[in-house]
Amino acid sequence: MQRRSVGHSGLQVSQLGLGTLTWGRDTRLDDARALLRSFVAAGGSLVDTAAAYAAGEAERMLGKIIRADLRREDLVIATKAGFGIRDGERVVDTSRQALLTDLHGSLRRLGTDHIDIWQLHAWGSAPLEESLAAIDTAVTAGDVRYAGISNFVGWQTAQAVTWQAAFPGRTPITSAQVEYSLLARRAEVEVIPAIRAFQLGFFPWSPIGRGVLTGKYRTGIPRGSRGAATHFSWFVEPYLETRSQAVVGAVAVAAAGLDLSPGQVALLWVRDAPAVTAPLLGARTVAQLEPFLALDDVVLPSEIVTALDEVSGGLNAGRVESGD
């Protein structure tokens, strides 16, 4: 698998990342082990997780697999801190205490002495300088190599990057991740311009539209899908409206003409969009993952890219500026 530099840093990752949101809940240990083996065998290196995923179980599973099956140095582990579930409610706590507590828990569950990319999971109510100082502490201690942010809007991204760059010795923000797909292009308005301006790495999550762009929901909600799961139906439902179905239909037409699956077309559109480093794919089984591992040298024709741009919200200004 081809590798890409993470923004302006010296870190390189595979051009496809493996997401672990479902690990410990919908993805069992045996399936996770098979996923990671296939991913690494294909040259994949970037694995994205979080302290909040399945209350830490995703990290715990990843740690078990690494110890038994893989070399730690073959992976670039990205995890997140500052978000969790307390008493059934989602809580964002980006205080210094909460972040460093999450970090130490992540290191223990993963069974590693360092995190390659440590990310603030969300913008919190704690002072930003306090949250960023926790990153500096973690890097100075050797627990973290690179720092990132997740789910920040454009002005928040700019503020975090600028604060860290304002004083020598602070840890630079290296990467950002937000949702981005043919069904979620809001990032093009402010977030991606900020990412490009500050030369950050960009890891889009849900590049195949929370699974909807595979076409599996065109005639209903399949049994065993995320949309049918009580704990994930809310995640899929926003993309089942009429406008989304029109985009899904266009992707299906493009896929048929290219001898690809709709999911493959949707992923390629994101992977090769301006500023993207590596989309994060949350496959739950090897059968779901393998078609995407076969795309390393596949590129969508420019005519197809333009047509998908137009049907999903208009011309991507970033492609025009970069000459794509």
C-alpha atoms as a PDB file:
ATOM      1  CA  MET A   1       0.000   0.000   0.000  1.00  0.00           C
ATOM      2  CA  GLN A   2       1.262   3.458  -0.867  1.00  0.00           C
ATOM      3  CA  ARG A   3       2.254   5.808   1.958  1.00  0.00           C
ATOM      4  CA  ARG A   4       1.643   9.489   2.450  1.00  0.00           C
ATOM      5  CA  SER A   5       3.248  12.098   4.669  1.00  0.00           C
ATOM      6  CA  VAL A   6       1.110  13.408   7.512  1.00  0.00           C
ATOM      7  CA  GLY A   7       0.969  17.077   6.678  1.00  0.00           C
ATOM      8  CA  HIS A   8       4.250  18.922   7.066  1.00  0.00           C
ATOM      9  CA  SER A   9       5.656  16.356   9.527  1.00  0.00           C
ATOM     10  CA  GLY A  10       8.149  13.556   8.967  1.00  0.00           C
ATOM     11  CA  LEU A  11       5.551  10.908   9.836  1.00  0.00           C
ATOM     12  CA  GLN A  12       4.278   8.664   7.051  1.00  0.00           C
ATOM     13  CA  VAL A  13       1.204   6.419   7.097  1.00  0.00           C
ATOM     14  CA  SER A  14      -0.586   4.098   4.704  1.00  0.00           C
ATOM     15  CA  GLN A  15      -3.045   5.896   2.421  1.00  0.00           C
ATOM     16  CA  LEU A  16      -5.870   3.957   4.035  1.00  0.00           C
ATOM     17  CA  GLY A  17      -6.455   3.802   7.774  1.00  0.00           C
ATOM     18  CA  LEU A  18      -8.311   1.136   9.747  1.00  0.00           C
ATOM     19  CA  GLY A  19     -10.946   2.468  12.147  1.00  0.00           C
ATOM     20  CA  THR A  20     -11.952   0.545  15.280  1.00  0.00           C
ATOM     21  CA  LEU A  21     -15.214   2.207  16.338  1.00  0.00           C
ATOM     22  CA  THR A  22     -17.102  -1.112  16.331  1.00  0.00           C
ATOM     23  CA  TRP A  23     -14.417  -3.163  18.091  1.00  0.00           C
ATOM     24  CA  GLY A  24     -15.527  -4.585  21.401  1.00  0.00           C
ATOM     25  CA  ARG A  25     -19.183  -4.211  20.517  1.00  0.00           C
ATOM     26  CA  ASP A  26     -20.046  -5.357  16.977  1.00  0.00           C
ATOM     27  CA  THR A  27     -16.592  -6.675  16.054  1.00  0.00           C
ATOM     28  CA  ARG A  28     -15.337  -9.621  18.095  1.00  0.00           C
ATOM     29  CA  LEU A  29     -11.705 -10.313  18.904  1.00  0.00           C
ATOM     30  CA  ASP A  30     -11.309 -13.046  16.259  1.00  0.00           C
ATOM     31  CA  ASP A  31     -12.737 -10.810  13.547  1.00  0.00           C
ATOM     32  CA  ALA A  32     -10.592  -7.878  14.696  1.00  0.00           C
ATOM     33  CA  ARG A  33      -7.486 -10.063  14.593  1.00  0.00           C
ATOM     34  CA  ALA A  34      -8.271 -11.181  11.043  1.00  0.00           C
ATOM     35  CA  LEU A  35      -8.960  -7.573  10.003  1.00  0.00           C
ATOM     36  CA  LEU A  36      -5.670  -6.296  11.358  1.00  0.00           C
ATOM     37  CA  ARG A  37      -3.672  -9.173   9.881  1.00  0.00           C
ATOM     38  CA  SER A  38      -5.145  -8.566   6.420  1.00  0.00           C
ATOM     39  CA  PHE A  39      -4.643  -4.826   6.712  1.00  0.00           C
ATOM     40  CA  VAL A  40      -0.977  -5.091   7.704  1.00  0.00           C
ATOM     41  CA  ALA A  41      -0.299  -7.821   5.120  1.00  0.00           C
ATOM     42  CA  ALA A  42      -1.546  -5.395   2.454  1.00  0.00           C
ATOM     43  CA  GLY A  43       0.871  -2.724   3.695  1.00  0.00           C
ATOM     44  CA  GLY A  44      -1.536  -0.844   5.952  1.00  0.00           C
ATOM     45  CA  SER A  45      -0.069   0.898   8.982  1.00  0.00           C
ATOM     46  CA  LEU A  46      -2.478   3.523  10.358  1.00  0.00           C
ATOM     47  CA  VAL A  47      -4.920   2.219  12.987  1.00  0.00           C
ATOM     48  CA  ASP A  48      -7.289   4.717  14.589  1.00  0.00           C
ATOM     49  CA  THR A  49      -8.963   4.100  17.926  1.00  0.00           C
ATOM     50  CA  ALA A  50     -10.073   6.019  21.040  1.00  0.00           C
ATOM     51  CA  ALA A  51     -10.293   5.646  24.781  1.00  0.00           C
ATOM     52  CA  ALA A  52     -14.067   6.038  24.402  1.00  0.00           C
ATOM     53  CA  TYR A  53     -14.634   3.197  21.928  1.00  0.00           C
ATOM     54  CA  ALA A  54     -16.564   0.481  23.762  1.00  0.00           C
ATOM     55  CA  ALA A  55     -15.385   2.066  27.026  1.00  0.00           C
ATOM     56  CA  GLY A  56     -11.773   1.163  26.241  1.00  0.00           C
ATOM     57  CA  GLU A  57     -12.407  -2.337  24.930  1.00  0.00           C
ATOM     58  CA  ALA A  58     -11.355  -1.418  21.377  1.00  0.00           C
ATOM     59  CA  GLU A  59      -7.921  -0.375  22.640  1.00  0.00           C
ATOM     60  CA  ARG A  60      -7.694  -3.461  24.829  1.00  0.00           C
ATOM     61  CA  MET A  61      -8.430  -5.723  21.844  1.00  0.00           C
ATOM     62  CA  LEU A  62      -5.889  -3.910  19.709  1.00  0.00           C
ATOM     63  CA  GLY A  63      -3.266  -4.380  22.405  1.00  0.00           C
ATOM     64  CA  LYS A  64      -3.975  -8.108  22.661  1.00  0.00           C
ATOM     65  CA  ILE A  65      -3.650  -8.551  18.905  1.00  0.00           C
ATOM     66  CA  ILE A  66      -0.387  -6.622  18.699  1.00  0.00           C
ATOM     67  CA  ARG A  67       1.203  -8.629  21.511  1.00  0.00           C
ATOM     68  CA  ALA A  68       0.199 -11.960  19.982  1.00  0.00           C
ATOM     69  CA  ASP A  69       0.360 -11.378  16.232  1.00  0.00           C
ATOM     70  CA  LEU A  70       2.182  -8.244  15.111  1.00  0.00           C
ATOM     71  CA  ARG A  71       5.234  -6.062  15.562  1.00  0.00           C
ATOM     72  CA  ARG A  72       4.444  -2.755  17.256  1.00  0.00           C
ATOM     73  CA  GLU A  73       6.786  -0.917  14.907  1.00  0.00           C
ATOM     74  CA  ASP A  74       4.676  -1.929  11.900  1.00  0.00           C
ATOM     75  CA  LEU A  75       1.762   0.176  13.144  1.00  0.00           C
ATOM     76  CA  VAL A  76       1.051   3.861  13.515  1.00  0.00           C
ATOM     77  CA  ILE A  77      -1.439   3.945  16.378  1.00  0.00           C
ATOM     78  CA  ALA A  78      -3.680   6.987  16.624  1.00  0.00           C
ATOM     79  CA  THR A  79      -5.948   7.268  19.628  1.00  0.00           C
ATOM     80  CA  LYS A  80      -8.055   9.998  21.221  1.00  0.00           C
ATOM     81  CA  ALA A  81      -8.845  11.401  24.651  1.00  0.00           C
ATOM     82  CA  GLY A  82     -11.343  13.729  26.285  1.00  0.00           C
ATOM     83  CA  PHE A  83     -14.628  12.039  25.403  1.00  0.00           C
ATOM     84  CA  GLY A  84     -16.600   9.294  27.078  1.00  0.00           C
ATOM     85  CA  ILE A  85     -19.891   7.983  28.400  1.00  0.00           C
ATOM     86  CA  ARG A  86     -20.838   8.643  32.020  1.00  0.00           C
ATOM     87  CA  ASP A  87     -24.130   7.457  33.483  1.00  0.00           C
ATOM     88  CA  GLY A  88     -25.393   6.879  29.963  1.00  0.00           C
ATOM     89  CA  GLU A  89     -24.605  10.428  28.827  1.00  0.00           C
ATOM     90  CA  ARG A  90     -21.922  11.574  26.385  1.00  0.00           C
ATOM     91  CA  VAL A  91     -19.405  13.747  28.195  1.00  0.00           C
ATOM     92  CA  VAL A  92     -16.588  15.851  26.758  1.00  0.00           C
ATOM     93  CA  ASP A  93     -13.904  16.550  29.359  1.00  0.00           C
ATOM     94  CA  THR A  94     -10.725  18.061  27.966  1.00  0.00           C
ATOM     95  CA  SER A  95      -9.275  19.162  31.286  1.00  0.00           C
ATOM     96  CA  ARG A  96      -5.633  18.332  31.906  1.00  0.00           C
ATOM     97  CA  GLN A  97      -6.557  15.724  34.504  1.00  0.00           C
ATOM     98  CA  ALA A  98      -9.089  13.955  32.295  1.00  0.00           C
ATOM     99  CA  LEU A  99      -6.838  13.938  29.232  1.00  0.00           C
ATOM    100  CA  LEU A 100      -3.792  12.542  31.021  1.00  0.00           C
ATOM    101  CA  THR A 101      -5.955   9.970  32.804  1.00  0.00           C
ATOM    102  CA  ASP A 102      -7.286   8.856  29.413  1.00  0.00           C
ATOM    103  CA  LEU A 103      -3.756   8.713  28.016  1.00  0.00           C
ATOM    104  CA  HIS A 104      -2.405   6.531  30.796  1.00  0.00           C
ATOM    105  CA  GLY A 105      -5.396   4.231  30.396  1.00  0.00           C
ATOM    106  CA  SER A 106      -4.782   4.019  26.643  1.00  0.00           C
ATOM    107  CA  LEU A 107      -1.116   3.144  27.121  1.00  0.00           C
ATOM    108  CA  ARG A 108      -2.047   0.413  29.600  1.00  0.00           C
ATOM    109  CA  ARG A 109      -4.798  -1.096  27.442  1.00  0.00           C
ATOM    110  CA  LEU A 110      -2.701  -0.969  24.273  1.00  0.00           C
ATOM    111  CA  GLY A 111       0.310  -2.425  26.052  1.00  0.00           C
ATOM    112  CA  THR A 112       2.642   0.102  24.461  1.00  0.00           C
ATOM    113  CA  ASP A 113       5.075   2.696  25.773  1.00  0.00           C
ATOM    114  CA  HIS A 114       3.970   5.393  23.338  1.00  0.00           C
ATOM    115  CA  ILE A 115       1.108   6.642  21.181  1.00  0.00           C
ATOM    116  CA  ASP A 116       2.097   7.681  17.658  1.00  0.00           C
ATOM    117  CA  ILE A 117      -0.693  10.258  17.204  1.00  0.00           C
ATOM    118  CA  TRP A 118      -2.618  11.444  20.275  1.00  0.00           C
ATOM    119  CA  GLN A 119      -5.724  13.461  19.456  1.00  0.00           C
ATOM    120  CA  LEU A 120      -8.175  15.641  21.347  1.00  0.00           C
ATOM    121  CA  HIS A 121     -11.405  13.778  20.587  1.00  0.00           C
ATOM    122  CA  ALA A 122     -13.557  16.913  20.573  1.00  0.00           C
ATOM    123  CA  TRP A 123     -13.615  20.600  21.463  1.00  0.00           C
ATOM    124  CA  GLY A 124     -14.339  20.870  25.169  1.00  0.00           C
ATOM    125  CA  SER A 125     -15.280  23.458  27.757  1.00  0.00           C
ATOM    126  CA  ALA A 126     -11.869  23.424  29.448  1.00  0.00           C
ATOM    127  CA  PRO A 127      -9.551  26.284  28.419  1.00  0.00           C
ATOM    128  CA  LEU A 128      -7.884  25.333  25.156  1.00  0.00           C
ATOM    129  CA  GLU A 129      -4.458  26.236  26.509  1.00  0.00           C
ATOM    130  CA  GLU A 130      -4.962  23.751  29.353  1.00  0.00           C
ATOM    131  CA  SER A 131      -5.863  20.957  26.949  1.00  0.00           C
ATOM    132  CA  LEU A 132      -2.927  21.702  24.673  1.00  0.00           C
ATOM    133  CA  ALA A 133      -0.543  21.913  27.639  1.00  0.00           C
ATOM    134  CA  ALA A 134      -1.538  18.313  28.456  1.00  0.00           C
ATOM    135  CA  ILE A 135      -0.314  17.352  24.972  1.00  0.00           C
ATOM    136  CA  ASP A 136       2.999  19.113  25.623  1.00  0.00           C
ATOM    137  CA  THR A 137       3.362  17.219  28.914  1.00  0.00           C
ATOM    138  CA  ALA A 138       2.673  13.883  27.212  1.00  0.00           C
ATOM    139  CA  VAL A 139       5.184  14.524  24.438  1.00  0.00           C
ATOM    140  CA  THR A 140       7.866  15.690  26.876  1.00  0.00           C
ATOM    141  CA  ALA A 141       7.336  12.520  28.925  1.00  0.00           C
ATOM    142  CA  GLY A 142       7.846  10.374  25.813  1.00  0.00           C
ATOM    143  CA  ASP A 143       4.309   8.965  25.936  1.00  0.00           C
ATOM    144  CA  VAL A 144       3.257  10.638  22.670  1.00  0.00           C
ATOM    145  CA  ARG A 145       5.083  11.248  19.379  1.00  0.00           C
ATOM    146  CA  TYR A 146       2.671  13.491  17.422  1.00  0.00           C
ATOM    147  CA  ALA A 147      -0.449  15.499  18.307  1.00  0.00           C
ATOM    148  CA  GLY A 148      -3.761  15.833  16.509  1.00  0.00           C
ATOM    149  CA  ILE A 149      -7.295  17.143  16.841  1.00  0.00           C
ATOM    150  CA  SER A 150     -10.610  15.507  16.033  1.00  0.00           C
ATOM    151  CA  ASN A 151     -14.022  16.978  15.204  1.00  0.00           C
ATOM    152  CA  PHE A 152     -12.863  20.597  15.448  1.00  0.00           C
ATOM    153  CA  VAL A 153     -14.559  23.128  13.161  1.00  0.00           C
ATOM    154  CA  GLY A 154     -12.495  25.550  11.096  1.00  0.00           C
ATOM    155  CA  TRP A 155     -11.927  28.342  13.616  1.00  0.00           C
ATOM    156  CA  GLN A 156     -11.206  25.827  16.379  1.00  0.00           C
ATOM    157  CA  THR A 157      -8.611  24.144  14.179  1.00  0.00           C
ATOM    158  CA  ALA A 158      -6.958  27.480  13.430  1.00  0.00           C
ATOM    159  CA  GLN A 159      -6.953  28.491  17.088  1.00  0.00           C
ATOM    160  CA  ALA A 160      -5.373  25.232  18.278  1.00  0.00           C
ATOM    161  CA  VAL A 161      -2.682  25.212  15.593  1.00  0.00           C
ATOM    162  CA  THR A 162      -1.856  28.899  16.059  1.00  0.00           C
ATOM    163  CA  TRP A 163      -1.625  28.599  19.857  1.00  0.00           C
ATOM    164  CA  GLN A 164       0.865  25.756  19.590  1.00  0.00           C
ATOM    165  CA  ALA A 165       2.911  27.552  16.955  1.00  0.00           C
ATOM    166  CA  ALA A 166       3.058  30.815  18.898  1.00  0.00           C
ATOM    167  CA  PHE A 167       5.753  29.779  21.364  1.00  0.00           C
ATOM    168  CA  PRO A 168       8.912  27.693  20.791  1.00  0.00           C
ATOM    169  CA  GLY A 169       8.833  24.329  22.499  1.00  0.00           C
ATOM    170  CA  ARG A 170       5.137  23.662  22.203  1.00  0.00           C
ATOM    171  CA  THR A 171       4.109  20.517  20.357  1.00  0.00           C
ATOM    172  CA  PRO A 172       2.819  21.331  16.866  1.00  0.00           C
ATOM    173  CA  ILE A 173      -0.582  20.056  15.798  1.00  0.00           C
ATOM    174  CA  THR A 174       0.177  17.556  13.046  1.00  0.00           C
ATOM    175  CA  SER A 175      -3.211  16.197  11.987  1.00  0.00           C
ATOM    176  CA  ALA A 176      -6.971  16.650  12.061  1.00  0.00           C
ATOM    177  CA  GLN A 177      -9.887  14.340  11.505  1.00  0.00           C
ATOM    178  CA  VAL A 178     -13.523  15.084  10.778  1.00  0.00           C
ATOM    179  CA  GLU A 179     -16.277  13.334   8.894  1.00  0.00           C
ATOM    180  CA  TYR A 180     -15.959  13.669   5.128  1.00  0.00           C
ATOM    181  CA  SER A 181     -17.690  11.824   2.298  1.00  0.00           C
ATOM    182  CA  LEU A 182     -19.966  12.389  -0.665  1.00  0.00           C
ATOM    183  CA  LEU A 183     -22.779  12.631   1.888  1.00  0.00           C
ATOM    184  CA  ALA A 184     -20.909  14.932   4.277  1.00  0.00           C
ATOM    185  CA  ARG A 185     -19.033  17.708   2.492  1.00  0.00           C
ATOM    186  CA  ARG A 186     -19.402  20.480   5.080  1.00  0.00           C
ATOM    187  CA  ALA A 187     -15.696  20.140   5.882  1.00  0.00           C
ATOM    188  CA  GLU A 188     -14.911  21.791   2.545  1.00  0.00           C
ATOM    189  CA  VAL A 189     -16.312  25.119   3.779  1.00  0.00           C
ATOM    190  CA  GLU A 190     -13.865  25.865   6.615  1.00  0.00           C
ATOM    191  CA  VAL A 191     -12.137  22.782   8.011  1.00  0.00           C
ATOM    192  CA  ILE A 192     -10.297  21.612   4.909  1.00  0.00           C
ATOM    193  CA  PRO A 193      -9.172  25.150   3.995  1.00  0.00           C
ATOM    194  CA  ALA A 194      -7.710  25.403   7.514  1.00  0.00           C
ATOM    195  CA  ILE A 195      -6.043  22.010   7.152  1.00  0.00           C
ATOM    196  CA  ARG A 196      -4.483  23.067   3.868  1.00  0.00           C
ATOM    197  CA  ALA A 197      -3.415  26.480   5.164  1.00  0.00           C
ATOM    198  CA  PHE A 198      -1.629  24.972   8.163  1.00  0.00           C
ATOM    199  CA  GLN A 199      -0.306  21.938   6.238  1.00  0.00           C
ATOM    200  CA  LEU A 200      -1.925  19.356   8.507  1.00  0.00           C
ATOM    201  CA  GLY A 201      -2.501  15.700   7.816  1.00  0.00           C
ATOM    202  CA  PHE A 202      -6.189  14.892   7.277  1.00  0.00           C
ATOM    203  CA  PHE A 203      -7.891  11.656   8.293  1.00  0.00           C
ATOM    204  CA  PRO A 204     -11.537  11.673   7.140  1.00  0.00           C
ATOM    205  CA  TRP A 205     -13.821   9.358   9.089  1.00  0.00           C
ATOM    206  CA  SER A 206     -16.864   7.595   7.594  1.00  0.00           C
ATOM    207  CA  PRO A 207     -15.600   8.017   4.002  1.00  0.00           C
ATOM    208  CA  ILE A 208     -18.334   5.723   2.697  1.00  0.00           C
ATOM    209  CA  GLY A 209     -21.124   7.709   4.348  1.00  0.00           C
ATOM    210  CA  ARG A 210     -21.568   5.598   7.483  1.00  0.00           C
ATOM    211  CA  GLY A 211     -22.032   2.599   5.178  1.00  0.00           C
ATOM    212  CA  VAL A 212     -24.865   4.166   3.192  1.00  0.00           C
ATOM    213  CA  LEU A 213     -22.739   4.762   0.073  1.00  0.00           C
ATOM    214  CA  THR A 214     -22.240   1.018  -0.342  1.00  0.00           C
ATOM    215  CA  GLY A 215     -25.858   0.935  -1.538  1.00  0.00           C
ATOM    216  CA  LYS A 216     -26.915  -1.598   1.085  1.00  0.00           C
ATOM    217  CA  TYR A 217     -29.768   0.645   2.302  1.00  0.00           C
ATOM    218  CA  ARG A 218     -31.307   1.416  -1.102  1.00  0.00           C
ATOM    219  CA  THR A 219     -34.220  -0.980  -0.598  1.00  0.00           C
ATOM    220  CA  GLY A 220     -34.472  -1.027   3.182  1.00  0.00           C
ATOM    221  CA  ILE A 221     -32.426  -1.628   6.303  1.00  0.00           C
ATOM    222  CA  PRO A 222     -30.642  -5.005   6.113  1.00  0.00           C
ATOM    223  CA  ARG A 223     -30.589  -7.267   9.132  1.00  0.00           C
ATOM    224  CA  GLY A 224     -27.210  -7.190  10.842  1.00  0.00           C
ATOM    225  CA  SER A 225     -26.302  -3.745   9.474  1.00  0.00           C
ATOM    226  CA  ARG A 226     -25.440  -0.716  11.610  1.00  0.00           C
ATOM    227  CA  GLY A 227     -28.776   0.796  10.656  1.00  0.00           C
ATOM    228  CA  ALA A 228     -30.553  -2.182  12.220  1.00  0.00           C
ATOM    229  CA  ALA A 229     -28.579  -2.015  15.476  1.00  0.00           C
ATOM    230  CA  THR A 230     -30.225  -0.164  18.346  1.00  0.00           C
ATOM    231  CA  HIS A 231     -26.954   1.476  19.384  1.00  0.00           C
ATOM    232  CA  PHE A 232     -26.027   2.550  15.831  1.00  0.00           C
ATOM    233  CA  SER A 233     -29.332   3.278  14.061  1.00  0.00           C
ATOM    234  CA  TRP A 234     -29.078   6.959  15.064  1.00  0.00           C
ATOM    235  CA  PHE A 235     -25.709   7.062  13.315  1.00  0.00           C
ATOM    236  CA  VAL A 236     -27.054   5.873   9.961  1.00  0.00           C
ATOM    237  CA  GLU A 237     -30.529   7.437   9.945  1.00  0.00           C
ATOM    238  CA  PRO A 238     -29.517  10.995   8.884  1.00  0.00           C
ATOM    239  CA  TYR A 239     -28.232   9.642   5.557  1.00  0.00           C
ATOM    240  CA  LEU A 240     -31.336   7.719   4.567  1.00  0.00           C
ATOM    241  CA  GLU A 241     -33.308  10.751   3.338  1.00  0.00           C
ATOM    242  CA  THR A 242     -34.196  11.467  -0.305  1.00  0.00           C
ATOM    243  CA  ARG A 243     -31.204  13.688  -1.117  1.00  0.00           C
ATOM    244  CA  SER A 244     -28.780  11.041   0.080  1.00  0.00           C
ATOM    245  CA  GLN A 245     -30.481   8.390  -2.009  1.00  0.00           C
ATOM    246  CA  ALA A 246     -29.899  10.483  -5.120  1.00  0.00           C
ATOM    247  CA  VAL A 247     -26.171  10.594  -4.360  1.00  0.00           C
ATOM    248  CA  VAL A 248     -26.112   6.863  -3.626  1.00  0.00           C
ATOM    249  CA  GLY A 249     -27.793   6.241  -6.970  1.00  0.00           C
ATOM    250  CA  ALA A 250     -25.192   8.299  -8.826  1.00  0.00           C
ATOM    251  CA  VAL A 251     -22.370   6.422  -7.096  1.00  0.00           C
ATOM    252  CA  ALA A 252     -23.975   3.112  -8.092  1.00  0.00           C
ATOM    253  CA  VAL A 253     -24.175   4.203 -11.740  1.00  0.00           C
ATOM    254  CA  ALA A 254     -20.510   5.255 -11.713  1.00  0.00           C
ATOM    255  CA  ALA A 255     -19.500   1.981 -10.087  1.00  0.00           C
ATOM    256  CA  ALA A 256     -21.308  -0.096 -12.694  1.00  0.00           C
ATOM    257  CA  GLY A 257     -19.492   1.716 -15.494  1.00  0.00           C
ATOM    258  CA  LEU A 258     -16.085   1.280 -13.842  1.00  0.00           C
ATOM    259  CA  ASP A 259     -16.515  -2.347 -12.767  1.00  0.00           C
ATOM    260  CA  LEU A 260     -16.131  -1.303  -9.124  1.00  0.00           C
ATOM    261  CA  SER A 261     -18.459  -1.496  -6.153  1.00  0.00           C
ATOM    262  CA  PRO A 262     -20.265   1.665  -4.969  1.00  0.00           C
ATOM    263  CA  GLY A 263     -18.271   1.582  -1.750  1.00  0.00           C
ATOM    264  CA  GLN A 264     -15.003   1.493  -3.672  1.00  0.00           C
ATOM    265  CA  VAL A 265     -16.012   4.499  -5.758  1.00  0.00           C
ATOM    266  CA  ALA A 266     -17.034   6.444  -2.638  1.00  0.00           C
ATOM    267  CA  LEU A 267     -13.731   5.681  -0.918  1.00  0.00           C
ATOM    268  CA  LEU A 268     -11.636   6.639  -3.955  1.00  0.00           C
ATOM    269  CA  TRP A 269     -13.450   9.988  -4.205  1.00  0.00           C
ATOM    270  CA  VAL A 270     -12.395  10.779  -0.627  1.00  0.00           C
ATOM    271  CA  ARG A 271      -8.912   9.216  -0.715  1.00  0.00           C
ATOM    272  CA  ASP A 272      -7.792  11.364  -3.628  1.00  0.00           C
ATOM    273  CA  ALA A 273      -9.551  14.588  -2.652  1.00  0.00           C
ATOM    274  CA  PRO A 274      -7.340  17.626  -1.942  1.00  0.00           C
ATOM    275  CA  ALA A 275      -5.602  17.615   1.484  1.00  0.00           C
ATOM    276  CA  VAL A 276      -6.628  14.038   2.367  1.00  0.00           C
ATOM    277  CA  THR A 277      -3.897  11.886   3.896  1.00  0.00           C
ATOM    278  CA  ALA A 278      -5.763   8.666   4.694  1.00  0.00           C
ATOM    279  CA  PRO A 279      -9.486   7.900   5.014  1.00  0.00           C
ATOM    280  CA  LEU A 280     -10.397   5.841   8.083  1.00  0.00           C
ATOM    281  CA  LEU A 281     -12.409   2.788   7.078  1.00  0.00           C
ATOM    282  CA  GLY A 282     -14.424   1.070   9.805  1.00  0.00           C
ATOM    283  CA  ALA A 283     -14.823  -2.365   8.220  1.00  0.00           C
ATOM    284  CA  ARG A 284     -16.183  -5.014  10.598  1.00  0.00           C
ATOM    285  CA  THR A 285     -15.062  -8.127   8.719  1.00  0.00           C
ATOM    286  CA  VAL A 286     -12.284  -9.147   6.333  1.00  0.00           C
ATOM    287  CA  ALA A 287     -14.899  -9.637   3.615  1.00  0.00           C
ATOM    288  CA  GLN A 288     -15.840  -5.957   3.962  1.00  0.00           C
ATOM    289  CA  LEU A 289     -12.225  -4.790   4.076  1.00  0.00           C
ATOM    290  CA  GLU A 290     -10.625  -6.742   1.226  1.00  0.00           C
ATOM    291  CA  PRO A 291     -12.258  -4.903  -1.719  1.00  0.00           C
ATOM    292  CA  PHE A 292     -10.771  -1.653  -0.409  1.00  0.00           C
ATOM    293  CA  LEU A 293      -7.293  -3.140  -0.063  1.00  0.00           C
ATOM    294  CA  ALA A 294      -7.312  -3.788  -3.818  1.00  0.00           C
ATOM    295  CA  LEU A 295      -7.557  -0.079  -4.704  1.00  0.00           C
ATOM    296  CA  ASP A 296      -3.963   0.994  -4.193  1.00  0.00           C
ATOM    297  CA  ASP A 297      -3.306   1.829  -7.853  1.00  0.00           C
ATOM    298  CA  VAL A 298      -6.887   2.637  -8.874  1.00  0.00           C
ATOM    299  CA  VAL A 299      -7.839   6.247  -9.631  1.00  0.00           C
ATOM    300  CA  LEU A 300     -11.267   7.566 -10.602  1.00  0.00           C
ATOM    301  CA  PRO A 301     -11.496   9.228 -14.029  1.00  0.00           C
ATOM    302  CA  SER A 302     -11.675  13.013 -13.692  1.00  0.00           C
ATOM    303  CA  GLU A 303     -15.040  13.061 -15.474  1.00  0.00           C
ATOM    304  CA  ILE A 304     -16.497  10.747 -12.847  1.00  0.00           C
ATOM    305  CA  VAL A 305     -15.028  12.821 -10.017  1.00  0.00           C
ATOM    306  CA  THR A 306     -16.573  15.995 -11.446  1.00  0.00           C
ATOM    307  CA  ALA A 307     -19.953  14.332 -11.914  1.00  0.00           C
ATOM    308  CA  LEU A 308     -19.953  13.062  -8.322  1.00  0.00           C
ATOM    309  CA  ASP A 309     -18.918  16.507  -7.091  1.00  0.00           C
ATOM    310  CA  GLU A 310     -21.850  18.102  -8.853  1.00  0.00           C
ATOM    311  CA  VAL A 311     -24.497  15.606  -7.726  1.00  0.00           C
ATOM    312  CA  SER A 312     -23.360  15.727  -4.109  1.00  0.00           C
ATOM    313  CA  GLY A 313     -23.194  19.474  -3.565  1.00  0.00           C
ATOM    314  CA  GLY A 314     -21.219  21.250  -6.258  1.00  0.00           C
ATOM    315  CA  LEU A 315     -17.699  21.573  -7.586  1.00  0.00           C
ATOM    316  CA  ASN A 316     -14.965  20.956  -5.028  1.00  0.00           C
ATOM    317  CA  ALA A 317     -13.094  24.256  -4.977  1.00  0.00           C
ATOM    318  CA  GLY A 318     -10.018  22.511  -3.591  1.00  0.00           C
ATOM    319  CA  ARG A 319      -9.684  20.412  -6.728  1.00  0.00           C
ATOM    320  CA  VAL A 320      -9.745  23.539  -8.896  1.00  0.00           C
ATOM    321  CA  GLU A 321      -7.097  25.273  -6.754  1.00  0.00           C
ATOM    322  CA  SER A 322      -4.821  22.227  -6.803  1.00  0.00           C
ATOM    323  CA  GLY A 323      -5.313  21.643 -10.513  1.00  0.00           C
ATOM    324  CA  ASP A 324      -6.955  18.219 -10.084  1.00  0.00           C
END
